[in-house]
Amino acid sequence: MIFLERILDAESKRSIVREVLEALPERFDVAEEREEYISCSAGQICLAATNNGKAVGFVCLKETGKDTVGLAVMGVLEEFRQEGVGKELFDFAREIAREKGCKFG
């Protein structure tokens, strides 16, 4: 069962983003770019999808305007693709943005 949660601790954000991105070398193969995503995640809204306590996906949102947030980076492990995890994360991101009084887009 997939569990969605907002991650608040900066180190936990970096750890989850690192774990997922490093498992996706075909999409995040440039080390400098991957490290930038990981570093920036600490200051962003970070939402995670877990399965039995293990991170299987995440989405990070960044402020793009006074009342708007946009997708900074997102990743879902290969074995959880086509199972709706990405859609669940995206929908959760919209919900969190609304709660903050922001538009997501």
PDB file of N, CA and C in Angstrom:
ATOM      1  N   MET A   1       0.844  -1.183   0.000  1.00  0.00           N
ATOM      2  CA  MET A   1       0.000   0.000   0.000  1.00  0.00           C
ATOM      3  C   MET A   1       0.890   1.247   0.000  1.00  0.00           C
ATOM      4  N   ILE A   2       0.550   2.194  -0.836  1.00  0.00           N
ATOM      5  CA  ILE A   2       1.308   3.436  -0.956  1.00  0.00           C
ATOM      6  C   ILE A   2       0.787   4.447   0.062  1.00  0.00           C
ATOM      7  N   PHE A   3       1.724   5.077   0.757  1.00  0.00           N
ATOM      8  CA  PHE A   3       1.410   6.099   1.751  1.00  0.00           C
ATOM      9  C   PHE A   3       2.049   7.394   1.281  1.00  0.00           C
ATOM     10  N   LEU A   4       1.280   8.484   1.271  1.00  0.00           N
ATOM     11  CA  LEU A   4       1.784   9.801   0.866  1.00  0.00           C
ATOM     12  C   LEU A   4       1.970  10.663   2.096  1.00  0.00           C
ATOM     13  N   GLU A   5       3.073  11.405   2.125  1.00  0.00           N
ATOM     14  CA  GLU A   5       3.309  12.298   3.251  1.00  0.00           C
ATOM     15  C   GLU A   5       4.148  13.493   2.829  1.00  0.00           C
ATOM     16  N   ARG A   6       3.968  14.562   3.580  1.00  0.00           N
ATOM     17  CA  ARG A   6       4.796  15.751   3.382  1.00  0.00           C
ATOM     18  C   ARG A   6       6.018  15.601   4.279  1.00  0.00           C
ATOM     19  N   ILE A   7       7.179  15.809   3.718  1.00  0.00           N
ATOM     20  CA  ILE A   7       8.429  15.683   4.460  1.00  0.00           C
ATOM     21  C   ILE A   7       8.869  17.085   4.873  1.00  0.00           C
ATOM     22  N   LEU A   8       9.105  17.273   6.155  1.00  0.00           N
ATOM     23  CA  LEU A   8       9.450  18.595   6.666  1.00  0.00           C
ATOM     24  C   LEU A   8      10.927  18.746   6.997  1.00  0.00           C
ATOM     25  N   ASP A   9      11.567  17.694   7.430  1.00  0.00           N
ATOM     26  CA  ASP A   9      12.972  17.735   7.828  1.00  0.00           C
ATOM     27  C   ASP A   9      13.888  17.798   6.604  1.00  0.00           C
ATOM     28  N   ALA A  10      14.792  18.782   6.584  1.00  0.00           N
ATOM     29  CA  ALA A  10      15.673  19.001   5.427  1.00  0.00           C
ATOM     30  C   ALA A  10      16.520  17.773   5.107  1.00  0.00           C
ATOM     31  N   GLU A  11      17.079  17.129   6.112  1.00  0.00           N
ATOM     32  CA  GLU A  11      17.921  15.958   5.852  1.00  0.00           C
ATOM     33  C   GLU A  11      17.097  14.796   5.309  1.00  0.00           C
ATOM     34  N   SER A  12      15.887  14.637   5.798  1.00  0.00           N
ATOM     35  CA  SER A  12      15.006  13.578   5.278  1.00  0.00           C
ATOM     36  C   SER A  12      14.650  13.846   3.820  1.00  0.00           C
ATOM     37  N   LYS A  13      14.421  15.113   3.486  1.00  0.00           N
ATOM     38  CA  LYS A  13      14.131  15.473   2.096  1.00  0.00           C
ATOM     39  C   LYS A  13      15.294  15.067   1.203  1.00  0.00           C
ATOM     40  N   ARG A  14      16.498  15.489   1.587  1.00  0.00           N
ATOM     41  CA  ARG A  14      17.683  15.164   0.774  1.00  0.00           C
ATOM     42  C   ARG A  14      17.869  13.655   0.655  1.00  0.00           C
ATOM     43  N   SER A  15      17.655  12.936   1.720  1.00  0.00           N
ATOM     44  CA  SER A  15      17.842  11.490   1.726  1.00  0.00           C
ATOM     45  C   SER A  15      16.863  10.788   0.779  1.00  0.00           C
ATOM     46  N   ILE A  16      15.595  11.180   0.837  1.00  0.00           N
ATOM     47  CA  ILE A  16      14.588  10.572  -0.034  1.00  0.00           C
ATOM     48  C   ILE A  16      14.871  10.900  -1.496  1.00  0.00           C
ATOM     49  N   VAL A  17      15.154  12.165  -1.777  1.00  0.00           N
ATOM     50  CA  VAL A  17      15.428  12.567  -3.160  1.00  0.00           C
ATOM     51  C   VAL A  17      16.657  11.833  -3.682  1.00  0.00           C
ATOM     52  N   ARG A  18      17.703  11.746  -2.877  1.00  0.00           N
ATOM     53  CA  ARG A  18      18.908  11.026  -3.292  1.00  0.00           C
ATOM     54  C   ARG A  18      18.601   9.560  -3.586  1.00  0.00           C
ATOM     55  N   GLU A  19      17.897   8.911  -2.672  1.00  0.00           N
ATOM     56  CA  GLU A  19      17.593   7.487  -2.821  1.00  0.00           C
ATOM     57  C   GLU A  19      16.869   7.196  -4.131  1.00  0.00           C
ATOM     58  N   VAL A  20      15.867   8.004  -4.439  1.00  0.00           N
ATOM     59  CA  VAL A  20      15.088   7.767  -5.658  1.00  0.00           C
ATOM     60  C   VAL A  20      15.879   8.161  -6.901  1.00  0.00           C
ATOM     61  N   LEU A  21      16.506   9.335  -6.905  1.00  0.00           N
ATOM     62  CA  LEU A  21      17.226   9.778  -8.107  1.00  0.00           C
ATOM     63  C   LEU A  21      18.396   8.858  -8.444  1.00  0.00           C
ATOM     64  N   GLU A  22      19.106   8.383  -7.434  1.00  0.00           N
ATOM     65  CA  GLU A  22      20.231   7.488  -7.711  1.00  0.00           C
ATOM     66  C   GLU A  22      19.770   6.132  -8.239  1.00  0.00           C
ATOM     67  N   ALA A  23      18.503   5.791  -8.003  1.00  0.00           N
ATOM     68  CA  ALA A  23      17.948   4.543  -8.539  1.00  0.00           C
ATOM     69  C   ALA A  23      17.441   4.722  -9.970  1.00  0.00           C
ATOM     70  N   LEU A  24      17.535   5.940 -10.485  1.00  0.00           N
ATOM     71  CA  LEU A  24      17.067   6.257 -11.836  1.00  0.00           C
ATOM     72  C   LEU A  24      18.198   6.829 -12.685  1.00  0.00           C
ATOM     73  N   PRO A  25      19.291   6.089 -12.855  1.00  0.00           N
ATOM     74  CA  PRO A  25      20.454   6.650 -13.561  1.00  0.00           C
ATOM     75  C   PRO A  25      20.196   7.002 -15.017  1.00  0.00           C
ATOM     76  N   GLU A  26      19.234   6.345 -15.657  1.00  0.00           N
ATOM     77  CA  GLU A  26      18.958   6.658 -17.061  1.00  0.00           C
ATOM     78  C   GLU A  26      18.282   8.015 -17.214  1.00  0.00           C
ATOM     79  N   ARG A  27      17.677   8.525 -16.144  1.00  0.00           N
ATOM     80  CA  ARG A  27      17.005   9.823 -16.212  1.00  0.00           C
ATOM     81  C   ARG A  27      17.790  10.927 -15.517  1.00  0.00           C
ATOM     82  N   PHE A  28      18.589  10.551 -14.538  1.00  0.00           N
ATOM     83  CA  PHE A  28      19.349  11.526 -13.752  1.00  0.00           C
ATOM     84  C   PHE A  28      20.819  11.119 -13.725  1.00  0.00           C
ATOM     85  N   ASP A  29      21.407  11.024 -14.897  1.00  0.00           N
ATOM     86  CA  ASP A  29      22.764  10.491 -15.010  1.00  0.00           C
ATOM     87  C   ASP A  29      23.867  11.539 -14.868  1.00  0.00           C
ATOM     88  N   VAL A  30      23.543  12.809 -14.909  1.00  0.00           N
ATOM     89  CA  VAL A  30      24.553  13.860 -14.764  1.00  0.00           C
ATOM     90  C   VAL A  30      24.671  14.184 -13.272  1.00  0.00           C
ATOM     91  N   ALA A  31      25.801  13.805 -12.686  1.00  0.00           N
ATOM     92  CA  ALA A  31      25.991  13.912 -11.233  1.00  0.00           C
ATOM     93  C   ALA A  31      25.769  15.332 -10.710  1.00  0.00           C
ATOM     94  N   GLU A  32      26.270  16.335 -11.415  1.00  0.00           N
ATOM     95  CA  GLU A  32      26.133  17.710 -10.948  1.00  0.00           C
ATOM     96  C   GLU A  32      24.667  18.137 -10.882  1.00  0.00           C
ATOM     97  N   GLU A  33      23.900  17.777 -11.900  1.00  0.00           N
ATOM     98  CA  GLU A  33      22.480  18.125 -11.912  1.00  0.00           C
ATOM     99  C   GLU A  33      21.737  17.376 -10.808  1.00  0.00           C
ATOM    100  N   ARG A  34      22.039  16.093 -10.656  1.00  0.00           N
ATOM    101  CA  ARG A  34      21.405  15.282  -9.614  1.00  0.00           C
ATOM    102  C   ARG A  34      21.691  15.874  -8.236  1.00  0.00           C
ATOM    103  N   GLU A  35      22.955  16.259  -7.989  1.00  0.00           N
ATOM    104  CA  GLU A  35      23.324  16.839  -6.699  1.00  0.00           C
ATOM    105  C   GLU A  35      22.639  18.183  -6.468  1.00  0.00           C
ATOM    106  N   GLU A  36      22.410  18.937  -7.524  1.00  0.00           N
ATOM    107  CA  GLU A  36      21.691  20.209  -7.416  1.00  0.00           C
ATOM    108  C   GLU A  36      20.243  19.960  -6.995  1.00  0.00           C
ATOM    109  N   TYR A  37      19.584  18.984  -7.620  1.00  0.00           N
ATOM    110  CA  TYR A  37      18.218  18.636  -7.222  1.00  0.00           C
ATOM    111  C   TYR A  37      18.170  18.229  -5.750  1.00  0.00           C
ATOM    112  N   ILE A  38      19.125  17.407  -5.345  1.00  0.00           N
ATOM    113  CA  ILE A  38      19.181  16.922  -3.962  1.00  0.00           C
ATOM    114  C   ILE A  38      19.382  18.086  -2.999  1.00  0.00           C
ATOM    115  N   SER A  39      20.328  18.941  -3.297  1.00  0.00           N
ATOM    116  CA  SER A  39      20.629  20.090  -2.446  1.00  0.00           C
ATOM    117  C   SER A  39      19.429  21.023  -2.327  1.00  0.00           C
ATOM    118  N   CYS A  40      18.813  21.346  -3.451  1.00  0.00           N
ATOM    119  CA  CYS A  40      17.692  22.283  -3.463  1.00  0.00           C
ATOM    120  C   CYS A  40      16.458  21.729  -2.756  1.00  0.00           C
ATOM    121  N   SER A  41      16.318  20.420  -2.733  1.00  0.00           N
ATOM    122  CA  SER A  41      15.119  19.821  -2.136  1.00  0.00           C
ATOM    123  C   SER A  41      14.954  20.206  -0.667  1.00  0.00           C
ATOM    124  N   ALA A  42      16.053  20.469   0.023  1.00  0.00           N
ATOM    125  CA  ALA A  42      15.998  20.797   1.449  1.00  0.00           C
ATOM    126  C   ALA A  42      15.149  22.035   1.725  1.00  0.00           C
ATOM    127  N   GLY A  43      15.115  22.970   0.784  1.00  0.00           N
ATOM    128  CA  GLY A  43      14.367  24.200   0.973  1.00  0.00           C
ATOM    129  C   GLY A  43      13.035  24.240   0.246  1.00  0.00           C
ATOM    130  N   GLN A  44      12.641  23.126  -0.333  1.00  0.00           N
ATOM    131  CA  GLN A  44      11.409  23.079  -1.112  1.00  0.00           C
ATOM    132  C   GLN A  44      10.330  22.275  -0.391  1.00  0.00           C
ATOM    133  N   ILE A  45       9.112  22.400  -0.878  1.00  0.00           N
ATOM    134  CA  ILE A  45       8.044  21.522  -0.414  1.00  0.00           C
ATOM    135  C   ILE A  45       8.352  20.153  -0.991  1.00  0.00           C
ATOM    136  N   CYS A  46       8.435  19.154  -0.140  1.00  0.00           N
ATOM    137  CA  CYS A  46       8.786  17.806  -0.587  1.00  0.00           C
ATOM    138  C   CYS A  46       7.706  16.831  -0.124  1.00  0.00           C
ATOM    139  N   LEU A  47       7.180  16.090  -1.071  1.00  0.00           N
ATOM    140  CA  LEU A  47       6.155  15.089  -0.800  1.00  0.00           C
ATOM    141  C   LEU A  47       6.700  13.734  -1.208  1.00  0.00           C
ATOM    142  N   ALA A  48       6.470  12.730  -0.385  1.00  0.00           N
ATOM    143  CA  ALA A  48       7.014  11.405  -0.662  1.00  0.00           C
ATOM    144  C   ALA A  48       5.923  10.354  -0.712  1.00  0.00           C
ATOM    145  N   ALA A  49       6.164   9.353  -1.528  1.00  0.00           N
ATOM    146  CA  ALA A  49       5.325   8.154  -1.577  1.00  0.00           C
ATOM    147  C   ALA A  49       6.177   7.019  -1.033  1.00  0.00           C
ATOM    148  N   THR A  50       5.640   6.294  -0.064  1.00  0.00           N
ATOM    149  CA  THR A  50       6.376   5.178   0.519  1.00  0.00           C
ATOM    150  C   THR A  50       5.555   3.902   0.412  1.00  0.00           C
ATOM    151  N   ASN A  51       6.259   2.805   0.399  1.00  0.00           N
ATOM    152  CA  ASN A  51       5.651   1.481   0.390  1.00  0.00           C
ATOM    153  C   ASN A  51       6.395   0.656   1.431  1.00  0.00           C
ATOM    154  N   ASN A  52       5.706   0.250   2.460  1.00  0.00           N
ATOM    155  CA  ASN A  52       6.329  -0.486   3.569  1.00  0.00           C
ATOM    156  C   ASN A  52       7.516   0.274   4.154  1.00  0.00           C
ATOM    157  N   GLY A  53       7.380   1.586   4.275  1.00  0.00           N
ATOM    158  CA  GLY A  53       8.416   2.412   4.877  1.00  0.00           C
ATOM    159  C   GLY A  53       9.562   2.797   3.967  1.00  0.00           C
ATOM    160  N   LYS A  54       9.558   2.329   2.712  1.00  0.00           N
ATOM    161  CA  LYS A  54      10.633   2.639   1.759  1.00  0.00           C
ATOM    162  C   LYS A  54      10.130   3.670   0.748  1.00  0.00           C
ATOM    163  N   ALA A  55      10.935   4.695   0.509  1.00  0.00           N
ATOM    164  CA  ALA A  55      10.565   5.716  -0.481  1.00  0.00           C
ATOM    165  C   ALA A  55      10.528   5.103  -1.873  1.00  0.00           C
ATOM    166  N   VAL A  56       9.410   5.306  -2.563  1.00  0.00           N
ATOM    167  CA  VAL A  56       9.273   4.796  -3.931  1.00  0.00           C
ATOM    168  C   VAL A  56       9.061   5.928  -4.926  1.00  0.00           C
ATOM    169  N   GLY A  57       8.870   7.149  -4.413  1.00  0.00           N
ATOM    170  CA  GLY A  57       8.695   8.295  -5.285  1.00  0.00           C
ATOM    171  C   GLY A  57       8.621   9.571  -4.465  1.00  0.00           C
ATOM    172  N   PHE A  58       8.767  10.690  -5.138  1.00  0.00           N
ATOM    173  CA  PHE A  58       8.699  11.989  -4.477  1.00  0.00           C
ATOM    174  C   PHE A  58       8.392  13.052  -5.512  1.00  0.00           C
ATOM    175  N   VAL A  59       7.980  14.199  -5.012  1.00  0.00           N
ATOM    176  CA  VAL A  59       7.847  15.395  -5.836  1.00  0.00           C
ATOM    177  C   VAL A  59       8.300  16.566  -4.976  1.00  0.00           C
ATOM    178  N   CYS A  60       9.058  17.469  -5.568  1.00  0.00           N
ATOM    179  CA  CYS A  60       9.477  18.697  -4.896  1.00  0.00           C
ATOM    180  C   CYS A  60       8.881  19.873  -5.655  1.00  0.00           C
ATOM    181  N   LEU A  61       8.376  20.826  -4.883  1.00  0.00           N
ATOM    182  CA  LEU A  61       7.763  22.017  -5.464  1.00  0.00           C
ATOM    183  C   LEU A  61       8.577  23.245  -5.095  1.00  0.00           C
ATOM    184  N   LYS A  62       8.663  24.171  -6.031  1.00  0.00           N
ATOM    185  CA  LYS A  62       9.372  25.425  -5.758  1.00  0.00           C
ATOM    186  C   LYS A  62       8.448  26.590  -6.033  1.00  0.00           C
ATOM    187  N   GLU A  63       8.680  27.680  -5.330  1.00  0.00           N
ATOM    188  CA  GLU A  63       7.904  28.886  -5.563  1.00  0.00           C
ATOM    189  C   GLU A  63       8.292  29.456  -6.918  1.00  0.00           C
ATOM    190  N   THR A  64       7.279  29.773  -7.709  1.00  0.00           N
ATOM    191  CA  THR A  64       7.528  30.339  -9.033  1.00  0.00           C
ATOM    192  C   THR A  64       6.982  31.756  -9.146  1.00  0.00           C
ATOM    193  N   GLY A  65       6.285  32.176  -8.109  1.00  0.00           N
ATOM    194  CA  GLY A  65       5.710  33.516  -8.063  1.00  0.00           C
ATOM    195  C   GLY A  65       5.182  33.768  -6.674  1.00  0.00           C
ATOM    196  N   LYS A  66       4.568  34.910  -6.500  1.00  0.00           N
ATOM    197  CA  LYS A  66       4.061  35.281  -5.174  1.00  0.00           C
ATOM    198  C   LYS A  66       3.085  34.249  -4.624  1.00  0.00           C
ATOM    199  N   ASP A  67       2.193  33.766  -5.441  1.00  0.00           N
ATOM    200  CA  ASP A  67       1.170  32.816  -5.003  1.00  0.00           C
ATOM    201  C   ASP A  67       1.127  31.564  -5.875  1.00  0.00           C
ATOM    202  N   THR A  68       2.269  31.200  -6.441  1.00  0.00           N
ATOM    203  CA  THR A  68       2.307  30.013  -7.296  1.00  0.00           C
ATOM    204  C   THR A  68       3.496  29.134  -6.953  1.00  0.00           C
ATOM    205  N   VAL A  69       3.296  27.841  -7.129  1.00  0.00           N
ATOM    206  CA  VAL A  69       4.378  26.870  -6.996  1.00  0.00           C
ATOM    207  C   VAL A  69       4.370  25.992  -8.240  1.00  0.00           C
ATOM    208  N   GLY A  70       5.546  25.490  -8.581  1.00  0.00           N
ATOM    209  CA  GLY A  70       5.669  24.628  -9.738  1.00  0.00           C
ATOM    210  C   GLY A  70       6.513  23.416  -9.408  1.00  0.00           C
ATOM    211  N   LEU A  71       6.499  22.477 -10.291  1.00  0.00           N
ATOM    212  CA  LEU A  71       7.264  21.247 -10.131  1.00  0.00           C
ATOM    213  C   LEU A  71       8.756  21.538 -10.281  1.00  0.00           C
ATOM    214  N   ALA A  72       9.533  21.206  -9.260  1.00  0.00           N
ATOM    215  CA  ALA A  72      10.987  21.382  -9.322  1.00  0.00           C
ATOM    216  C   ALA A  72      11.625  20.101  -9.840  1.00  0.00           C
ATOM    217  N   VAL A  73      11.254  18.977  -9.249  1.00  0.00           N
ATOM    218  CA  VAL A  73      11.768  17.678  -9.667  1.00  0.00           C
ATOM    219  C   VAL A  73      10.840  16.604  -9.116  1.00  0.00           C
ATOM    220  N   MET A  74      10.766  15.508  -9.844  1.00  0.00           N
ATOM    221  CA  MET A  74       9.894  14.399  -9.449  1.00  0.00           C
ATOM    222  C   MET A  74      10.548  13.108  -9.888  1.00  0.00           C
ATOM    223  N   GLY A  75      10.390  12.074  -9.102  1.00  0.00           N
ATOM    224  CA  GLY A  75      10.915  10.774  -9.475  1.00  0.00           C
ATOM    225  C   GLY A  75      10.088   9.658  -8.871  1.00  0.00           C
ATOM    226  N   VAL A  76       9.906   8.590  -9.632  1.00  0.00           N
ATOM    227  CA  VAL A  76       9.202   7.394  -9.169  1.00  0.00           C
ATOM    228  C   VAL A  76      10.035   6.193  -9.610  1.00  0.00           C
ATOM    229  N   LEU A  77      10.297   5.288  -8.682  1.00  0.00           N
ATOM    230  CA  LEU A  77      11.068   4.089  -9.012  1.00  0.00           C
ATOM    231  C   LEU A  77      10.387   3.310 -10.131  1.00  0.00           C
ATOM    232  N   GLU A  78      11.206   2.720 -10.993  1.00  0.00           N
ATOM    233  CA  GLU A  78      10.706   1.984 -12.160  1.00  0.00           C
ATOM    234  C   GLU A  78       9.617   0.977 -11.799  1.00  0.00           C
ATOM    235  N   GLU A  79       9.832   0.209 -10.751  1.00  0.00           N
ATOM    236  CA  GLU A  79       8.886  -0.859 -10.412  1.00  0.00           C
ATOM    237  C   GLU A  79       7.531  -0.344  -9.912  1.00  0.00           C
ATOM    238  N   PHE A  80       7.434   0.971  -9.690  1.00  0.00           N
ATOM    239  CA  PHE A  80       6.170   1.555  -9.250  1.00  0.00           C
ATOM    240  C   PHE A  80       5.539   2.443 -10.308  1.00  0.00           C
ATOM    241  N   ARG A  81       6.114   2.457 -11.493  1.00  0.00           N
ATOM    242  CA  ARG A  81       5.522   3.207 -12.601  1.00  0.00           C
ATOM    243  C   ARG A  81       4.333   2.421 -13.122  1.00  0.00           C
ATOM    244  N   GLN A  82       3.445   3.092 -13.739  1.00  0.00           N
ATOM    245  CA  GLN A  82       2.221   2.508 -14.285  1.00  0.00           C
ATOM    246  C   GLN A  82       1.297   1.977 -13.197  1.00  0.00           C
ATOM    247  N   GLU A  83       1.529   2.396 -11.949  1.00  0.00           N
ATOM    248  CA  GLU A  83       0.665   1.994 -10.834  1.00  0.00           C
ATOM    249  C   GLU A  83      -0.042   3.201 -10.222  1.00  0.00           C
ATOM    250  N   GLY A  84       0.097   4.356 -10.843  1.00  0.00           N
ATOM    251  CA  GLY A  84      -0.589   5.543 -10.376  1.00  0.00           C
ATOM    252  C   GLY A  84       0.134   6.334  -9.295  1.00  0.00           C
ATOM    253  N   VAL A  85       1.368   5.938  -8.958  1.00  0.00           N
ATOM    254  CA  VAL A  85       2.105   6.644  -7.904  1.00  0.00           C
ATOM    255  C   VAL A  85       2.387   8.083  -8.315  1.00  0.00           C
ATOM    256  N   GLY A  86       2.825   8.286  -9.531  1.00  0.00           N
ATOM    257  CA  GLY A  86       3.103   9.644 -10.014  1.00  0.00           C
ATOM    258  C   GLY A  86       1.860  10.512  -9.988  1.00  0.00           C
ATOM    259  N   LYS A  87       0.740   9.978 -10.416  1.00  0.00           N
ATOM    260  CA  LYS A  87      -0.522  10.721 -10.401  1.00  0.00           C
ATOM    261  C   LYS A  87      -0.929  11.049  -8.970  1.00  0.00           C
ATOM    262  N   GLU A  88      -0.782  10.092  -8.060  1.00  0.00           N
ATOM    263  CA  GLU A  88      -1.115  10.350  -6.656  1.00  0.00           C
ATOM    264  C   GLU A  88      -0.248  11.468  -6.089  1.00  0.00           C
ATOM    265  N   LEU A  89       1.047  11.441  -6.400  1.00  0.00           N
ATOM    266  CA  LEU A  89       1.950  12.492  -5.935  1.00  0.00           C
ATOM    267  C   LEU A  89       1.559  13.846  -6.524  1.00  0.00           C
ATOM    268  N   PHE A  90       1.243  13.852  -7.798  1.00  0.00           N
ATOM    269  CA  PHE A  90       0.865  15.095  -8.479  1.00  0.00           C
ATOM    270  C   PHE A  90      -0.414  15.663  -7.867  1.00  0.00           C
ATOM    271  N   ASP A  91      -1.413  14.803  -7.635  1.00  0.00           N
ATOM    272  CA  ASP A  91      -2.669  15.244  -7.023  1.00  0.00           C
ATOM    273  C   ASP A  91      -2.428  15.766  -5.600  1.00  0.00           C
ATOM    274  N   PHE A  92      -1.554  15.086  -4.859  1.00  0.00           N
ATOM    275  CA  PHE A  92      -1.211  15.509  -3.503  1.00  0.00           C
ATOM    276  C   PHE A  92      -0.529  16.876  -3.548  1.00  0.00           C
ATOM    277  N   ALA A  93       0.314  17.095  -4.542  1.00  0.00           N
ATOM    278  CA  ALA A  93       0.987  18.384  -4.706  1.00  0.00           C
ATOM    279  C   ALA A  93      -0.032  19.497  -4.929  1.00  0.00           C
ATOM    280  N   ARG A  94      -1.025  19.243  -5.751  1.00  0.00           N
ATOM    281  CA  ARG A  94      -2.086  20.234  -5.980  1.00  0.00           C
ATOM    282  C   ARG A  94      -2.802  20.563  -4.668  1.00  0.00           C
ATOM    283  N   GLU A  95      -3.094  19.520  -3.892  1.00  0.00           N
ATOM    284  CA  GLU A  95      -3.784  19.699  -2.618  1.00  0.00           C
ATOM    285  C   GLU A  95      -2.949  20.547  -1.650  1.00  0.00           C
ATOM    286  N   ILE A  96      -1.668  20.250  -1.553  1.00  0.00           N
ATOM    287  CA  ILE A  96      -0.780  21.001  -0.667  1.00  0.00           C
ATOM    288  C   ILE A  96      -0.674  22.455  -1.119  1.00  0.00           C
ATOM    289  N   ALA A  97      -0.568  22.663  -2.419  1.00  0.00           N
ATOM    290  CA  ALA A  97      -0.504  24.027  -2.947  1.00  0.00           C
ATOM    291  C   ALA A  97      -1.762  24.807  -2.581  1.00  0.00           C
ATOM    292  N   ARG A  98      -2.914  24.176  -2.744  1.00  0.00           N
ATOM    293  CA  ARG A  98      -4.186  24.830  -2.397  1.00  0.00           C
ATOM    294  C   ARG A  98      -4.220  25.196  -0.901  1.00  0.00           C
ATOM    295  N   GLU A  99      -3.752  24.264  -0.066  1.00  0.00           N
ATOM    296  CA  GLU A  99      -3.723  24.517   1.384  1.00  0.00           C
ATOM    297  C   GLU A  99      -2.849  25.717   1.725  1.00  0.00           C
ATOM    298  N   LYS A 100      -1.794  25.948   0.933  1.00  0.00           N
ATOM    299  CA  LYS A 100      -0.904  27.090   1.147  1.00  0.00           C
ATOM    300  C   LYS A 100      -1.452  28.367   0.495  1.00  0.00           C
ATOM    301  N   GLY A 101      -2.588  28.249  -0.182  1.00  0.00           N
ATOM    302  CA  GLY A 101      -3.161  29.402  -0.863  1.00  0.00           C
ATOM    303  C   GLY A 101      -2.471  29.704  -2.177  1.00  0.00           C
ATOM    304  N   CYS A 102      -1.830  28.701  -2.751  1.00  0.00           N
ATOM    305  CA  CYS A 102      -1.071  28.886  -3.993  1.00  0.00           C
ATOM    306  C   CYS A 102      -1.729  28.153  -5.141  1.00  0.00           C
ATOM    307  N   LYS A 103      -1.420  28.596  -6.327  1.00  0.00           N
ATOM    308  CA  LYS A 103      -1.796  27.874  -7.546  1.00  0.00           C
ATOM    309  C   LYS A 103      -0.635  26.968  -7.899  1.00  0.00           C
ATOM    310  N   PHE A 104      -0.940  25.819  -8.428  1.00  0.00           N
ATOM    311  CA  PHE A 104       0.075  24.854  -8.841  1.00  0.00           C
ATOM    312  C   PHE A 104       0.070  24.810 -10.351  1.00  0.00           C
ATOM    313  N   GLY A 105       1.198  25.183 -10.944  1.00  0.00           N
ATOM    314  CA  GLY A 105       1.226  25.159 -12.398  1.00  0.00           C
ATOM    315  C   GLY A 105       2.433  25.806 -12.974  1.00  0.00           C
TER     316      GLY A 105
END
